[in-house]
Amino acid sequence: MASAEEILMQVIDRREFKPTSEECPFCREARVKENGSKCLGICRNPQNVPGPLVYPHAMQTWEDAVDCILWAMRDISTPRTDHGVQVLWEYAVEHGNMERSRFFGFSSDMYHFDHFIGKALNTYDAFVRNTGHEITQVSTMQDGRTRVDVRVKDRVGEETEWIFIMVRRTFGKYEGCIQAHRIVRADFPHLSDI
């Protein structure tokens, strides 16, 4: 086995490797810039992926929407890294809005997917690679939104209770579809305020 120093001294023929600008479908046909690069920086952005395989649809019920979210978070990186969070983002009724949201229970922006990824993985850690869930109750709230109570079993088997507050979208590309307005723990102290 070669030592670290010996490995570092080995000459690598860089002609064998294609640079990103030749592999990337965005950069392949781009013009060469002053610095000699063709890279447009598009493929380096984690948002530059196709849409999720699971998304809101008008035929889904309240329970279907919650199931789709939790199943996607269970298999979070299938078919690609953080696909489950991308599904959650599509089901968040206020995603992409510039106004503040209380989707997570606290005031937060929802306009940038990269920011959403971090907040979602932190707030909904119990959903990531969960080992199962059970919808325990579906009810209509006084303001007309639908409350779905869910028991989630996390990756180590610990159960937590969650409340999904769902609405039917009235405009946009998901008009007529069910999406999540808020997702909080059942013991959330300000439940009546959200």
C-alpha atoms as a PDB file:
ATOM      1  CA  MET A   1       0.000   0.000   0.000  1.00  0.00           C
ATOM      2  CA  ALA A   2       1.322   3.455  -0.929  1.00  0.00           C
ATOM      3  CA  SER A   3       1.940   6.080   1.739  1.00  0.00           C
ATOM      4  CA  ALA A   4       0.140   9.419   1.674  1.00  0.00           C
ATOM      5  CA  GLU A   5       3.258  11.119   0.354  1.00  0.00           C
ATOM      6  CA  GLU A   6       3.577   8.574  -2.460  1.00  0.00           C
ATOM      7  CA  ILE A   7      -0.056   9.009  -3.420  1.00  0.00           C
ATOM      8  CA  LEU A   8       0.348  12.784  -3.548  1.00  0.00           C
ATOM      9  CA  MET A   9       3.406  12.455  -5.780  1.00  0.00           C
ATOM     10  CA  GLN A  10       1.542  10.419  -8.419  1.00  0.00           C
ATOM     11  CA  VAL A  11       0.901  12.385 -11.590  1.00  0.00           C
ATOM     12  CA  ILE A  12      -2.746  12.456 -12.617  1.00  0.00           C
ATOM     13  CA  ASP A  13      -3.459  12.890 -16.300  1.00  0.00           C
ATOM     14  CA  ARG A  14      -6.205  15.522 -16.191  1.00  0.00           C
ATOM     15  CA  ARG A  15      -7.024  14.897 -19.849  1.00  0.00           C
ATOM     16  CA  GLU A  16      -8.909  11.770 -18.719  1.00  0.00           C
ATOM     17  CA  PHE A  17     -11.404  13.840 -16.723  1.00  0.00           C
ATOM     18  CA  LYS A  18     -14.052  16.000 -18.332  1.00  0.00           C
ATOM     19  CA  PRO A  19     -14.603  19.314 -16.600  1.00  0.00           C
ATOM     20  CA  THR A  20     -18.091  20.182 -15.385  1.00  0.00           C
ATOM     21  CA  SER A  21     -18.559  22.463 -18.370  1.00  0.00           C
ATOM     22  CA  GLU A  22     -18.308  19.459 -20.720  1.00  0.00           C
ATOM     23  CA  GLU A  23     -20.489  17.135 -18.600  1.00  0.00           C
ATOM     24  CA  CYS A  24     -23.188  19.600 -17.564  1.00  0.00           C
ATOM     25  CA  PRO A  25     -26.099  19.853 -20.022  1.00  0.00           C
ATOM     26  CA  PHE A  26     -26.454  23.574 -19.199  1.00  0.00           C
ATOM     27  CA  CYS A  27     -22.783  24.479 -19.718  1.00  0.00           C
ATOM     28  CA  ARG A  28     -21.889  22.194 -22.610  1.00  0.00           C
ATOM     29  CA  GLU A  29     -23.003  24.706 -25.277  1.00  0.00           C
ATOM     30  CA  ALA A  30     -22.099  27.888 -23.345  1.00  0.00           C
ATOM     31  CA  ARG A  31     -19.568  30.412 -24.619  1.00  0.00           C
ATOM     32  CA  VAL A  32     -16.076  30.415 -23.117  1.00  0.00           C
ATOM     33  CA  LYS A  33     -15.662  33.368 -20.738  1.00  0.00           C
ATOM     34  CA  GLU A  34     -12.596  35.603 -20.255  1.00  0.00           C
ATOM     35  CA  ASN A  35     -11.358  33.324 -17.460  1.00  0.00           C
ATOM     36  CA  GLY A  36     -11.439  30.324 -19.812  1.00  0.00           C
ATOM     37  CA  SER A  37     -14.456  28.717 -18.096  1.00  0.00           C
ATOM     38  CA  LYS A  38     -17.714  27.688 -19.721  1.00  0.00           C
ATOM     39  CA  CYS A  39     -19.430  27.011 -16.399  1.00  0.00           C
ATOM     40  CA  LEU A  40     -22.702  28.876 -15.909  1.00  0.00           C
ATOM     41  CA  GLY A  41     -23.009  27.782 -12.262  1.00  0.00           C
ATOM     42  CA  ILE A  42     -26.460  26.304 -12.832  1.00  0.00           C
ATOM     43  CA  CYS A  43     -25.653  22.687 -12.024  1.00  0.00           C
ATOM     44  CA  ARG A  44     -24.031  23.673  -8.726  1.00  0.00           C
ATOM     45  CA  ASN A  45     -27.346  24.958  -7.362  1.00  0.00           C
ATOM     46  CA  PRO A  46     -29.278  22.344  -5.302  1.00  0.00           C
ATOM     47  CA  GLN A  47     -32.541  23.785  -6.625  1.00  0.00           C
ATOM     48  CA  ASN A  48     -31.690  22.798 -10.178  1.00  0.00           C
ATOM     49  CA  VAL A  49     -33.337  19.417 -10.056  1.00  0.00           C
ATOM     50  CA  PRO A  50     -36.524  18.189 -11.692  1.00  0.00           C
ATOM     51  CA  GLY A  51     -39.789  18.557  -9.808  1.00  0.00           C
ATOM     52  CA  PRO A  52     -40.702  15.994  -7.159  1.00  0.00           C
ATOM     53  CA  LEU A  53     -42.194  12.649  -8.077  1.00  0.00           C
ATOM     54  CA  VAL A  54     -44.993  13.272  -5.552  1.00  0.00           C
ATOM     55  CA  TYR A  55     -46.993  16.500  -5.517  1.00  0.00           C
ATOM     56  CA  PRO A  56     -50.475  17.807  -4.698  1.00  0.00           C
ATOM     57  CA  HIS A  57     -53.271  16.585  -6.949  1.00  0.00           C
ATOM     58  CA  ALA A  58     -56.979  17.465  -6.960  1.00  0.00           C
ATOM     59  CA  MET A  59     -57.950  13.799  -6.466  1.00  0.00           C
ATOM     60  CA  GLN A  60     -56.110  13.538  -3.128  1.00  0.00           C
ATOM     61  CA  THR A  61     -57.984  13.549   0.174  1.00  0.00           C
ATOM     62  CA  TRP A  62     -56.799  15.190   3.415  1.00  0.00           C
ATOM     63  CA  GLU A  63     -55.360  11.850   4.503  1.00  0.00           C
ATOM     64  CA  ASP A  64     -53.725  11.229   1.121  1.00  0.00           C
ATOM     65  CA  ALA A  65     -51.850  14.547   1.321  1.00  0.00           C
ATOM     66  CA  VAL A  66     -50.524  13.797   4.816  1.00  0.00           C
ATOM     67  CA  ASP A  67     -49.578  10.247   3.771  1.00  0.00           C
ATOM     68  CA  CYS A  68     -47.676  11.550   0.725  1.00  0.00           C
ATOM     69  CA  ILE A  69     -45.699  14.008   2.877  1.00  0.00           C
ATOM     70  CA  LEU A  70     -44.776  11.444   5.520  1.00  0.00           C
ATOM     71  CA  TRP A  71     -43.967   8.676   3.028  1.00  0.00           C
ATOM     72  CA  ALA A  72     -41.685  11.063   1.121  1.00  0.00           C
ATOM     73  CA  MET A  73     -39.944  12.124   4.356  1.00  0.00           C
ATOM     74  CA  ARG A  74     -39.582   8.453   5.341  1.00  0.00           C
ATOM     75  CA  ASP A  75     -37.673   7.796   2.107  1.00  0.00           C
ATOM     76  CA  ILE A  76     -36.161  11.292   2.154  1.00  0.00           C
ATOM     77  CA  SER A  77     -33.344  10.719  -0.318  1.00  0.00           C
ATOM     78  CA  THR A  78     -35.142   8.494  -2.822  1.00  0.00           C
ATOM     79  CA  PRO A  79     -34.742   9.076  -5.756  1.00  0.00           C
ATOM     80  CA  ARG A  80     -32.278  11.919  -4.968  1.00  0.00           C
ATOM     81  CA  THR A  81     -30.904  13.794  -1.959  1.00  0.00           C
ATOM     82  CA  ASP A  82     -33.613  15.588   0.053  1.00  0.00           C
ATOM     83  CA  HIS A  83     -36.398  14.626  -2.370  1.00  0.00           C
ATOM     84  CA  GLY A  84     -38.695  14.225   0.664  1.00  0.00           C
ATOM     85  CA  VAL A  85     -38.101  17.847   1.659  1.00  0.00           C
ATOM     86  CA  GLN A  86     -38.875  18.891  -1.907  1.00  0.00           C
ATOM     87  CA  VAL A  87     -42.209  17.047  -1.627  1.00  0.00           C
ATOM     88  CA  LEU A  88     -42.901  18.789   1.700  1.00  0.00           C
ATOM     89  CA  TRP A  89     -42.080  22.139   0.033  1.00  0.00           C
ATOM     90  CA  GLU A  90     -44.589  21.447  -2.773  1.00  0.00           C
ATOM     91  CA  TYR A  91     -47.271  20.586  -0.206  1.00  0.00           C
ATOM     92  CA  ALA A  92     -46.640  23.791   1.802  1.00  0.00           C
ATOM     93  CA  VAL A  93     -49.395  26.147   0.649  1.00  0.00           C
ATOM     94  CA  GLU A  94     -47.284  29.249   1.327  1.00  0.00           C
ATOM     95  CA  HIS A  95     -44.065  28.054  -0.333  1.00  0.00           C
ATOM     96  CA  GLY A  96     -42.446  30.622  -2.555  1.00  0.00           C
ATOM     97  CA  ASN A  97     -44.295  33.560  -0.957  1.00  0.00           C
ATOM     98  CA  MET A  98     -42.414  36.678   0.059  1.00  0.00           C
ATOM     99  CA  GLU A  99     -44.644  37.238   3.110  1.00  0.00           C
ATOM    100  CA  ARG A 100     -43.840  35.707   6.483  1.00  0.00           C
ATOM    101  CA  SER A 101     -45.439  32.355   7.275  1.00  0.00           C
ATOM    102  CA  ARG A 102     -46.171  30.363  10.412  1.00  0.00           C
ATOM    103  CA  PHE A 103     -45.917  27.027   8.586  1.00  0.00           C
ATOM    104  CA  PHE A 104     -43.383  25.761  11.140  1.00  0.00           C
ATOM    105  CA  GLY A 105     -45.281  27.330  14.052  1.00  0.00           C
ATOM    106  CA  PHE A 106     -42.941  30.300  14.219  1.00  0.00           C
ATOM    107  CA  SER A 107     -42.671  33.296  11.902  1.00  0.00           C
ATOM    108  CA  SER A 108     -40.412  32.418   8.990  1.00  0.00           C
ATOM    109  CA  ASP A 109     -39.835  33.166   5.329  1.00  0.00           C
ATOM    110  CA  MET A 110     -40.979  30.570   2.816  1.00  0.00           C
ATOM    111  CA  TYR A 111     -39.659  32.066  -0.406  1.00  0.00           C
ATOM    112  CA  HIS A 112     -36.318  30.295  -0.693  1.00  0.00           C
ATOM    113  CA  PHE A 113     -36.091  26.495  -0.948  1.00  0.00           C
ATOM    114  CA  ASP A 114     -32.528  26.336   0.415  1.00  0.00           C
ATOM    115  CA  HIS A 115     -33.657  28.036   3.645  1.00  0.00           C
ATOM    116  CA  PHE A 116     -36.698  25.767   3.817  1.00  0.00           C
ATOM    117  CA  ILE A 117     -34.514  22.648   3.672  1.00  0.00           C
ATOM    118  CA  GLY A 118     -32.645  23.564   6.864  1.00  0.00           C
ATOM    119  CA  LYS A 119     -35.756  24.572   8.799  1.00  0.00           C
ATOM    120  CA  ALA A 120     -37.690  21.503   7.683  1.00  0.00           C
ATOM    121  CA  LEU A 121     -34.940  19.035   8.582  1.00  0.00           C
ATOM    122  CA  ASN A 122     -34.570  20.648  12.020  1.00  0.00           C
ATOM    123  CA  THR A 123     -38.261  21.131  12.839  1.00  0.00           C
ATOM    124  CA  TYR A 124     -39.499  17.844  11.387  1.00  0.00           C
ATOM    125  CA  ASP A 125     -36.624  15.588  12.440  1.00  0.00           C
ATOM    126  CA  ALA A 126     -39.182  12.978  13.568  1.00  0.00           C
ATOM    127  CA  PHE A 127     -40.438  12.688   9.969  1.00  0.00           C
ATOM    128  CA  VAL A 128     -36.993  11.976   8.487  1.00  0.00           C
ATOM    129  CA  ARG A 129     -36.710   8.233   7.884  1.00  0.00           C
ATOM    130  CA  ASN A 130     -39.773   7.664  10.086  1.00  0.00           C
ATOM    131  CA  THR A 131     -40.794   4.050  10.611  1.00  0.00           C
ATOM    132  CA  GLY A 132     -44.516   4.646  10.280  1.00  0.00           C
ATOM    133  CA  HIS A 133     -47.422   6.911  11.041  1.00  0.00           C
ATOM    134  CA  GLU A 134     -51.079   6.690  11.952  1.00  0.00           C
ATOM    135  CA  ILE A 135     -53.737   9.296  11.255  1.00  0.00           C
ATOM    136  CA  THR A 136     -55.778   9.367  14.454  1.00  0.00           C
ATOM    137  CA  GLN A 137     -58.361  12.036  13.653  1.00  0.00           C
ATOM    138  CA  VAL A 138     -59.541  14.374  10.898  1.00  0.00           C
ATOM    139  CA  SER A 139     -61.732  17.322  11.901  1.00  0.00           C
ATOM    140  CA  THR A 140     -62.894  20.685  10.578  1.00  0.00           C
ATOM    141  CA  MET A 141     -61.682  23.695  12.547  1.00  0.00           C
ATOM    142  CA  GLN A 142     -63.919  26.706  13.335  1.00  0.00           C
ATOM    143  CA  ASP A 143     -62.202  28.777  10.636  1.00  0.00           C
ATOM    144  CA  GLY A 144     -62.857  26.098   7.969  1.00  0.00           C
ATOM    145  CA  ARG A 145     -59.358  24.634   7.788  1.00  0.00           C
ATOM    146  CA  THR A 146     -58.971  20.888   8.265  1.00  0.00           C
ATOM    147  CA  ARG A 147     -57.008  19.500  11.191  1.00  0.00           C
ATOM    148  CA  VAL A 148     -55.348  16.113  10.758  1.00  0.00           C
ATOM    149  CA  ASP A 149     -53.937  14.571  13.948  1.00  0.00           C
ATOM    150  CA  VAL A 150     -51.080  12.164  13.296  1.00  0.00           C
ATOM    151  CA  ARG A 151     -48.941   9.872  15.422  1.00  0.00           C
ATOM    152  CA  VAL A 152     -45.459   9.519  13.898  1.00  0.00           C
ATOM    153  CA  LYS A 153     -42.925   6.866  14.850  1.00  0.00           C
ATOM    154  CA  ASP A 154     -39.409   8.237  14.276  1.00  0.00           C
ATOM    155  CA  ARG A 155     -36.380   6.290  13.025  1.00  0.00           C
ATOM    156  CA  VAL A 156     -35.684   4.833  16.490  1.00  0.00           C
ATOM    157  CA  GLY A 157     -39.340   3.990  17.214  1.00  0.00           C
ATOM    158  CA  GLU A 158     -40.217   6.923  19.490  1.00  0.00           C
ATOM    159  CA  GLU A 159     -43.755   8.180  18.918  1.00  0.00           C
ATOM    160  CA  THR A 160     -44.676  11.859  18.685  1.00  0.00           C
ATOM    161  CA  GLU A 161     -48.032  13.521  18.058  1.00  0.00           C
ATOM    162  CA  TRP A 162     -48.383  16.087  15.257  1.00  0.00           C
ATOM    163  CA  ILE A 163     -51.082  18.365  13.899  1.00  0.00           C
ATOM    164  CA  PHE A 164     -51.294  19.048  10.169  1.00  0.00           C
ATOM    165  CA  ILE A 165     -53.534  22.024   9.446  1.00  0.00           C
ATOM    166  CA  MET A 166     -54.599  21.610   5.838  1.00  0.00           C
ATOM    167  CA  VAL A 167     -56.388  23.835   3.304  1.00  0.00           C
ATOM    168  CA  ARG A 168     -57.676  23.483  -0.226  1.00  0.00           C
ATOM    169  CA  ARG A 169     -55.686  25.796  -2.523  1.00  0.00           C
ATOM    170  CA  THR A 170     -57.873  28.424  -4.228  1.00  0.00           C
ATOM    171  CA  PHE A 171     -55.420  29.691  -6.878  1.00  0.00           C
ATOM    172  CA  GLY A 172     -52.126  28.960  -8.638  1.00  0.00           C
ATOM    173  CA  LYS A 173     -50.779  25.775 -10.154  1.00  0.00           C
ATOM    174  CA  TYR A 174     -52.247  23.684  -7.319  1.00  0.00           C
ATOM    175  CA  GLU A 175     -55.717  25.245  -7.407  1.00  0.00           C
ATOM    176  CA  GLY A 176     -58.226  22.780  -5.989  1.00  0.00           C
ATOM    177  CA  CYS A 177     -55.496  20.698  -4.329  1.00  0.00           C
ATOM    178  CA  ILE A 178     -55.013  20.041  -0.623  1.00  0.00           C
ATOM    179  CA  GLN A 179     -51.865  21.535   0.894  1.00  0.00           C
ATOM    180  CA  ALA A 180     -50.431  22.032   4.381  1.00  0.00           C
ATOM    181  CA  HIS A 181     -50.947  25.424   6.008  1.00  0.00           C
ATOM    182  CA  ARG A 182     -49.227  24.554   9.297  1.00  0.00           C
ATOM    183  CA  ILE A 183     -47.472  21.469  10.691  1.00  0.00           C
ATOM    184  CA  VAL A 184     -46.743  21.549  14.436  1.00  0.00           C
ATOM    185  CA  ARG A 185     -46.352  19.208  17.373  1.00  0.00           C
ATOM    186  CA  ALA A 186     -49.606  18.450  19.188  1.00  0.00           C
ATOM    187  CA  ASP A 187     -48.227  20.074  22.350  1.00  0.00           C
ATOM    188  CA  PHE A 188     -47.422  23.342  20.498  1.00  0.00           C
ATOM    189  CA  PRO A 189     -48.141  26.079  23.083  1.00  0.00           C
ATOM    190  CA  HIS A 190     -49.668  28.624  20.672  1.00  0.00           C
ATOM    191  CA  LEU A 191     -51.891  26.303  18.657  1.00  0.00           C
ATOM    192  CA  SER A 192     -54.916  28.616  18.873  1.00  0.00           C
ATOM    193  CA  ASP A 193     -52.868  31.493  17.396  1.00  0.00           C
ATOM    194  CA  ILE A 194     -51.862  29.767  14.186  1.00  0.00           C
END
